[in-house]
């Protein structure tokens, strides 16, 4: 998928709240788990490199939120996440 399309999908994920706009609490890299990528929706296959980002939840519903991403999808999400808001 072209980078601009991935960045568009990343913006949509941020806008909809699917992915947080803050930096992850932890990031892991390694072999994919077969889970769907939080950006492109395609599986991160076991023979591919994948990244898992993790967020701790506090308050009424404590726990962990984890999202798996392809390297290109992670890059697109990071670029959109740290991009200054449009005026």
Protein backbone atom coordinates (compact mmCIF):
# COMPACT_ATOMS: atom_id res chain seq x y z
CA UNK A 1 0.00 0.00 0.00
CA UNK A 2 1.43 3.45 -0.88
CA UNK A 3 2.76 5.55 2.01
CA UNK A 4 0.20 8.33 1.51
CA UNK A 5 -2.66 5.79 1.78
CA UNK A 6 -1.12 4.37 4.96
CA UNK A 7 -0.85 7.87 6.42
CA UNK A 8 -4.50 8.49 5.54
CA UNK A 9 -5.48 5.26 7.31
CA UNK A 10 -3.33 6.30 10.30
CA UNK A 11 -5.12 9.67 10.45
CA UNK A 12 -8.46 7.85 10.37
CA UNK A 13 -7.35 5.53 13.20
CA UNK A 14 -6.29 8.53 15.30
CA UNK A 15 -9.44 10.53 14.52
CA UNK A 16 -11.74 7.61 15.33
CA UNK A 17 -9.88 6.75 18.55
CA UNK A 18 -8.90 3.29 17.31
CA UNK A 19 -5.28 4.18 18.10
CA UNK A 20 -4.17 6.64 20.77
CA UNK A 21 -2.42 9.88 19.84
CA UNK A 22 0.07 9.63 22.69
CA UNK A 23 3.33 7.69 22.63
CA UNK A 24 3.00 4.01 23.56
CA UNK A 25 4.03 2.87 27.01
CA UNK A 26 6.01 0.02 25.41
CA UNK A 27 6.91 -1.07 21.90
CA UNK A 28 8.06 -4.58 20.99
CA UNK A 29 9.43 -5.84 17.70
CA UNK A 30 9.78 -9.35 16.37
CA UNK A 31 8.03 -11.94 14.28
CA UNK A 32 4.40 -11.18 13.48
CA UNK A 33 1.69 -13.01 15.39
CA UNK A 34 -0.85 -13.31 12.59
CA UNK A 35 -3.03 -10.58 14.11
CA UNK A 36 -4.49 -7.90 11.84
CA UNK A 37 -2.53 -4.67 11.59
CA UNK A 38 -4.29 -1.79 13.37
CA UNK A 39 -3.61 0.50 10.38
CA UNK A 40 -3.97 -1.45 7.13
CA UNK A 41 -6.09 -4.35 8.42
CA UNK A 42 -3.89 -6.99 6.77
CA UNK A 43 -2.45 -9.77 8.94
CA UNK A 44 1.10 -9.33 10.25
CA UNK A 45 2.21 -12.81 9.23
CA UNK A 46 4.57 -14.92 11.28
CA UNK A 47 7.33 -14.70 8.63
CA UNK A 48 7.09 -10.88 8.66
CA UNK A 49 8.52 -8.37 11.10
CA UNK A 50 5.85 -6.87 13.29
CA UNK A 51 5.64 -4.28 16.04
CA UNK A 52 3.31 -4.38 19.00
CA UNK A 53 2.52 -1.14 20.80
CA UNK A 54 1.14 -1.33 24.29
CA UNK A 55 -0.86 1.14 26.38
CA UNK A 56 -1.69 0.84 30.08
CA UNK A 57 -5.23 1.77 31.11
CA UNK A 58 -5.84 3.16 34.58
CA UNK A 59 -8.97 4.15 36.42
CA UNK A 60 -12.29 2.34 36.26
CA UNK A 61 -11.22 -0.22 33.64
CA UNK A 62 -7.50 -0.94 34.21
CA UNK A 63 -5.64 -3.17 31.81
CA UNK A 64 -3.58 -3.20 28.65
CA UNK A 65 -4.43 -2.29 25.08
CA UNK A 66 -2.15 -3.86 22.47
CA UNK A 67 -1.98 -3.16 18.77
CA UNK A 68 0.06 -4.97 16.14
CA UNK A 69 1.47 -3.07 13.17
CA UNK A 70 3.62 -3.65 10.10
CA UNK A 71 6.84 -1.56 10.10
CA UNK A 72 5.52 0.74 7.32
CA UNK A 73 2.22 1.14 9.16
CA UNK A 74 4.00 1.97 12.42
CA UNK A 75 6.05 4.60 10.58
CA UNK A 76 2.92 6.16 9.04
CA UNK A 77 1.14 6.20 12.42
CA UNK A 78 4.16 7.74 14.18
CA UNK A 79 4.40 10.48 11.53
CA UNK A 80 0.72 11.32 11.87
CA UNK A 81 0.74 11.03 15.66
CA UNK A 82 3.53 13.57 16.12
CA UNK A 83 2.49 15.87 13.29
CA UNK A 84 1.43 19.31 14.55
CA UNK A 85 -2.33 19.93 14.24
CA UNK A 86 -3.49 21.90 11.21
CA UNK A 87 -4.40 25.55 11.95
